[in-house]
Protein backbone atom coordinates (compact mmCIF):
# COMPACT_ATOMS: atom_id res chain seq x y z
CA MET A 1 28.10 12.49 7.90
CA ARG A 2 24.65 12.71 6.11
CA SER A 3 23.48 15.86 4.66
CA PRO A 4 21.08 17.98 6.66
CA VAL A 5 19.56 18.85 2.95
CA PRO A 6 16.71 16.14 2.94
CA LEU A 7 15.59 17.77 6.31
CA LEU A 8 15.00 21.27 5.02
CA LEU A 9 12.08 20.91 3.05
CA PRO A 10 10.18 19.34 6.20
CA VAL A 11 11.58 21.74 8.42
CA LEU A 12 10.28 24.47 6.36
CA LEU A 13 6.87 23.05 6.21
CA ILE A 14 6.71 22.42 9.64
CA VAL A 15 7.65 26.18 10.45
CA GLY A 16 5.16 27.49 7.48
CA TRP A 17 2.50 25.32 9.34
CA GLU A 18 2.73 26.97 12.66
CA VAL A 19 3.33 30.37 11.27
CA ALA A 20 -0.17 29.74 9.08
CA ALA A 21 -1.93 28.40 12.46
CA HIS A 22 -0.70 31.50 14.25
CA PHE A 23 -2.46 33.96 11.49
CA ILE A 24 -5.43 31.82 10.79
CA ASP A 25 -6.35 31.52 14.42
CA ASN A 26 -9.17 28.61 13.75
CA PRO A 27 -8.08 25.29 15.04
CA PHE A 28 -10.85 23.79 13.26
CA ILE A 29 -9.11 24.74 9.88
CA LEU A 30 -5.71 24.40 10.39
CA PRO A 31 -4.59 23.57 14.73
CA SER A 32 -1.34 24.31 15.82
CA LEU A 33 1.30 21.92 16.23
CA THR A 34 0.80 22.61 20.37
CA THR A 35 -2.42 20.73 19.85
CA VAL A 36 -0.77 18.06 17.45
CA ILE A 37 2.29 17.03 19.09
CA PRO A 38 0.72 15.93 22.43
CA ILE A 39 -1.29 13.49 20.69
CA LEU A 40 1.69 12.10 18.79
CA LEU A 41 3.62 11.88 22.43
CA HIS A 42 1.21 9.52 23.90
CA PRO A 43 0.32 6.92 20.87
CA PHE A 44 -0.83 4.43 23.41
CA SER A 45 -3.30 6.71 25.18
CA ASP A 46 -6.89 6.97 23.99
CA LYS A 47 -7.23 10.54 26.11
CA PHE A 48 -6.86 12.49 22.79
CA THR A 49 -8.73 10.17 20.56
CA LEU A 50 -12.51 10.58 21.48
CA GLY A 51 -12.61 7.35 22.99
CA THR A 52 -11.90 5.58 19.92
CA GLY A 53 -8.66 3.58 20.87
CA SER A 54 -5.50 4.86 20.92
CA LEU A 55 -3.25 5.45 18.02
CA VAL A 56 -1.16 2.43 18.02
CA ASP A 57 -4.40 0.48 18.35
CA ASN A 58 -6.24 1.85 15.57
CA ALA A 59 -3.09 1.52 13.58
CA ALA A 60 -2.74 -2.02 14.38
CA VAL A 61 -6.33 -2.58 13.46
CA SER A 62 -5.78 -0.63 9.70
CA LEU A 63 -2.41 -2.47 9.35
CA PHE A 64 -4.05 -6.18 9.83
CA ARG A 65 -6.86 -5.26 7.48
CA VAL A 66 -4.25 -4.12 4.90
CA ALA A 67 -1.88 -7.22 5.41
CA LEU A 68 -4.91 -9.66 4.72
CA GLY A 69 -6.15 -7.72 1.68
CA PHE A 70 -2.48 -7.31 0.34
CA ALA A 71 -2.00 -10.81 0.82
CA LEU A 72 -4.77 -12.28 -1.02
CA ALA A 73 -3.85 -9.88 -3.88
CA ALA A 74 -0.46 -11.11 -3.96
CA LEU A 75 -1.87 -14.78 -4.06
CA ILE A 76 -4.14 -14.15 -6.98
CA ALA A 77 -1.96 -11.90 -8.91
CA ILE A 78 1.40 -13.27 -8.55
CA PRO A 79 0.30 -17.04 -10.42
CA LEU A 80 -1.96 -15.04 -12.72
CA GLY A 81 0.84 -12.84 -13.87
CA ILE A 82 3.11 -15.49 -14.31
CA GLY A 83 1.00 -17.76 -16.41
CA MET A 84 -0.21 -14.63 -18.48
CA GLY A 85 3.46 -13.65 -18.91
CA ARG A 86 3.94 -17.18 -20.08
CA SER A 87 1.36 -18.07 -22.15
CA ALA A 88 0.31 -15.77 -25.09
CA LEU A 89 -3.02 -17.64 -25.24
CA LEU A 90 -4.05 -16.73 -21.55
CA ASN A 91 -2.86 -13.26 -22.04
CA ASN A 92 -4.93 -12.78 -25.11
CA ILE A 93 -8.13 -13.88 -23.25
CA LEU A 94 -7.65 -11.83 -20.24
CA ASP A 95 -5.83 -8.54 -21.20
CA ALA A 96 -8.56 -6.79 -22.61
CA THR A 97 -11.06 -7.33 -19.61
CA ILE A 98 -7.64 -6.20 -17.12
CA GLU A 99 -7.13 -3.46 -19.19
CA LEU A 100 -11.09 -2.43 -18.68
CA LEU A 101 -11.04 -2.82 -15.26
CA ARG A 102 -7.54 -1.58 -14.12
CA PRO A 103 -8.49 2.16 -14.38
CA ILE A 104 -11.53 1.80 -12.14
CA PRO A 105 -10.52 3.45 -8.93
CA PRO A 106 -11.03 1.23 -5.86
CA LEU A 107 -13.74 3.45 -4.23
CA ALA A 108 -15.70 3.07 -7.07
CA TRP A 109 -16.17 -0.68 -5.89
CA VAL A 110 -17.41 0.51 -2.66
CA PRO A 111 -21.56 0.17 -3.49
CA LEU A 112 -20.85 -3.30 -5.03
CA ALA A 113 -18.64 -4.36 -2.00
CA LEU A 114 -21.38 -3.37 0.20
CA ALA A 115 -23.92 -5.27 -1.78
CA TRP A 116 -21.74 -8.19 -2.04
CA PHE A 117 -19.99 -8.60 1.22
CA LYS A 118 -22.44 -6.84 3.03
CA ILE A 119 -21.20 -4.11 6.41
CA GLY A 120 -18.04 -5.93 8.05
CA LEU A 121 -14.60 -6.78 7.41
CA VAL A 122 -14.60 -8.63 4.19
CA SER A 123 -15.88 -5.32 2.37
CA ILE A 124 -12.71 -3.53 3.66
CA VAL A 125 -10.46 -6.09 2.61
CA PHE A 126 -12.15 -6.53 -1.05
CA ILE A 127 -11.54 -2.76 -1.30
CA ILE A 128 -7.76 -3.44 -0.25
CA LEU A 129 -7.28 -5.97 -2.47
CA ILE A 130 -8.72 -4.39 -5.56
CA GLY A 131 -6.12 -1.72 -5.15
CA ALA A 132 -3.23 -4.02 -4.48
CA PHE A 133 -4.16 -6.55 -7.12
CA PHE A 134 -3.26 -4.67 -10.26
CA PRO A 135 0.14 -3.12 -9.62
CA ILE A 136 1.33 -6.71 -8.46
CA LEU A 137 -0.39 -8.37 -11.76
CA LEU A 138 1.02 -6.08 -14.31
CA ASN A 139 4.64 -6.02 -13.04
CA THR A 140 4.75 -9.78 -12.66
CA ILE A 141 3.73 -10.12 -15.88
CA ASP A 142 6.19 -7.37 -17.03
CA GLY A 143 8.76 -9.21 -15.32
CA VAL A 144 8.10 -12.53 -16.69
CA LYS A 145 7.80 -11.34 -20.18
CA SER A 146 11.51 -9.31 -19.90
CA ILE A 147 13.01 -13.01 -19.09
CA LYS A 148 15.47 -13.57 -21.86
CA ARG A 149 14.55 -16.41 -24.06
CA THR A 150 17.99 -17.62 -24.24
CA TRP A 151 18.12 -18.14 -20.80
CA VAL A 152 14.85 -20.58 -21.19
CA GLU A 153 16.53 -22.37 -24.05
CA VAL A 154 19.99 -22.80 -22.22
CA ALA A 155 17.94 -24.22 -19.37
CA LEU A 156 16.04 -26.57 -21.88
CA THR A 157 19.23 -27.55 -23.29
CA LEU A 158 20.87 -28.51 -20.25
CA GLY A 159 17.94 -30.70 -19.61
CA ALA A 160 16.05 -28.59 -16.88
CA ARG A 161 12.22 -29.51 -16.39
CA GLU A 162 9.26 -27.04 -16.58
CA SER A 163 9.25 -26.56 -12.88
CA ASP A 164 13.01 -26.16 -13.00
CA ILE A 165 12.42 -23.62 -15.68
CA LEU A 166 9.76 -22.02 -13.70
CA GLY A 167 11.64 -21.91 -10.14
CA LYS A 168 14.92 -21.28 -11.34
CA VAL A 169 14.95 -19.43 -14.37
CA ILE A 170 11.20 -17.46 -14.36
CA LEU A 171 10.72 -16.63 -11.07
CA HIS A 172 14.20 -15.78 -10.29
CA GLY A 173 14.65 -13.66 -13.21
CA ALA A 174 11.23 -12.15 -12.65
CA ALA A 175 11.39 -11.48 -9.00
CA PRO A 176 12.83 -8.16 -8.97
CA THR A 177 9.86 -6.55 -10.76
CA ILE A 178 7.45 -8.80 -9.04
CA TRP A 179 9.00 -7.23 -5.67
CA THR A 180 8.55 -3.73 -7.41
CA GLY A 181 5.07 -4.65 -7.93
CA LEU A 182 4.43 -5.55 -4.53
CA ARG A 183 6.12 -2.17 -3.19
CA VAL A 184 3.67 -0.28 -5.31
CA GLY A 185 0.84 -2.44 -4.62
CA PHE A 186 1.34 -1.98 -0.64
CA GLY A 187 1.53 1.47 -0.90
CA ILE A 188 -2.07 1.78 -2.68
CA SER A 189 -3.28 -0.68 -0.37
CA TRP A 190 -2.35 1.43 2.51
CA MET A 191 -3.90 4.24 1.27
CA CYS A 192 -7.06 2.67 0.17
CA VAL A 193 -7.75 1.28 3.94
CA VAL A 194 -8.26 4.83 5.16
CA ALA A 195 -11.31 5.32 2.51
CA ALA A 196 -12.40 1.52 3.06
CA GLU A 197 -12.53 2.40 6.71
CA TRP A 198 -15.13 4.65 6.35
CA LEU A 199 -17.70 2.24 5.21
CA PRO A 200 -20.90 1.78 7.44
CA GLY A 201 -20.44 -0.37 10.30
CA THR A 202 -16.74 0.29 10.59
CA THR A 203 -15.52 1.14 14.62
CA ARG A 204 -11.74 1.00 14.35
CA GLY A 205 -8.66 1.99 12.20
CA LEU A 206 -7.01 4.86 11.30
CA GLY A 207 -9.42 6.05 8.46
CA TYR A 208 -12.34 5.68 10.85
CA LEU A 209 -10.66 7.71 13.70
CA ILE A 210 -10.20 10.15 11.17
CA LEU A 211 -13.96 10.38 9.94
CA TYR A 212 -15.03 10.31 13.71
CA ALA A 213 -12.52 13.43 14.60
CA TYR A 214 -13.98 14.99 11.74
CA ASN A 215 -17.54 14.67 12.76
CA PHE A 216 -16.71 16.37 16.36
CA GLY A 217 -14.40 18.97 14.78
CA GLN A 218 -11.18 17.68 16.33
CA THR A 219 -8.78 18.74 13.44
CA ASN A 220 -5.64 18.07 15.34
CA VAL A 221 -6.74 14.26 15.62
CA ILE A 222 -6.99 14.36 11.96
CA ILE A 223 -3.80 15.58 11.48
CA ALA A 224 -2.29 13.47 14.01
CA GLY A 225 -3.87 10.49 12.28
CA MET A 226 -2.80 11.60 8.61
CA VAL A 227 1.18 12.00 10.30
CA ILE A 228 0.99 8.42 11.58
CA ILE A 229 -0.59 7.10 8.12
CA GLY A 230 2.83 8.96 6.60
CA ILE A 231 4.90 7.50 9.15
CA ILE A 232 3.89 3.58 8.67
CA GLY A 233 4.12 4.06 4.82
CA ILE A 234 7.25 5.28 4.96
CA VAL A 235 8.80 2.53 7.49
CA ILE A 236 6.77 -0.19 5.32
CA ASP A 237 8.26 1.41 2.04
CA GLN A 238 11.84 1.52 3.79
CA VAL A 239 11.57 -1.98 4.37
CA PHE A 240 10.52 -2.79 0.82
CA LYS A 241 13.75 -1.16 -0.14
CA ALA A 242 15.82 -2.79 2.18
CA GLY A 243 14.53 -6.16 0.76
CA GLU A 244 15.32 -4.78 -2.78
CA ARG A 245 19.07 -4.16 -1.68
CA ARG A 246 19.79 -7.30 0.18
CA TRP A 247 18.09 -9.77 -2.28
CA PHE A 248 18.13 -7.89 -5.70
CA SER A 249 21.44 -6.63 -5.67
CA TRP A 250 22.75 -8.52 -8.19
CA ARG A 251 20.21 -6.63 -10.90
CA ALA A 252 22.36 -3.60 -10.78
CA LEU A 253 25.42 -5.92 -12.14
CA GLU A 254 23.00 -6.38 -15.44
CA ARG A 255 22.95 -2.52 -15.86
């Protein structure tokens, strides 16, 4: 039987929220649970979402954008990270530039995204890509550099080709760290999509729904959207954790 302790804090937060909403008595500042729960219980209905589409519709749009930006980030960052991890020359050439760009928040790129790609999907995907790129890249580099040199030397001694070393030694050994980078990168990209969907011209997505609801003073819709964002984030993170347990259980044996 699972311990109820993990549920204690969420229950206390919910109770505290309802008590605070009762005393504040201002639904614009803090709506009651009774105004938020009906929205969550009807995720396929646009009755409560001011005609912007249901929670499910907006969540699907946001997930598509995140999946696209995240996939592009992975396709760029993983090969680049492997190259930088394997080649000291390439690492020396790119490291300073990457360290210069890495601390810049993804939202700081918004004006440039609009200037380069104009209003539309490409600008949104670009912001998401930036958010996911650096965690994936740095974890890939770290994973490749953590490969024991003796593993490579043994493979060479046994007659392995460069492609064999890359696929069976480097990628296999670095895979758990790369997976961690993907997990962190997706989490950041999921956060970025909300702000990216505040860009001009956006008409769908959870971020757009939250901003649209704010303009009409519908704080209950804002909180419902935030809850959906949190739930989806938890589900996807659990998928990454399940993948780690399934494919990288051997890593625990090394510790």
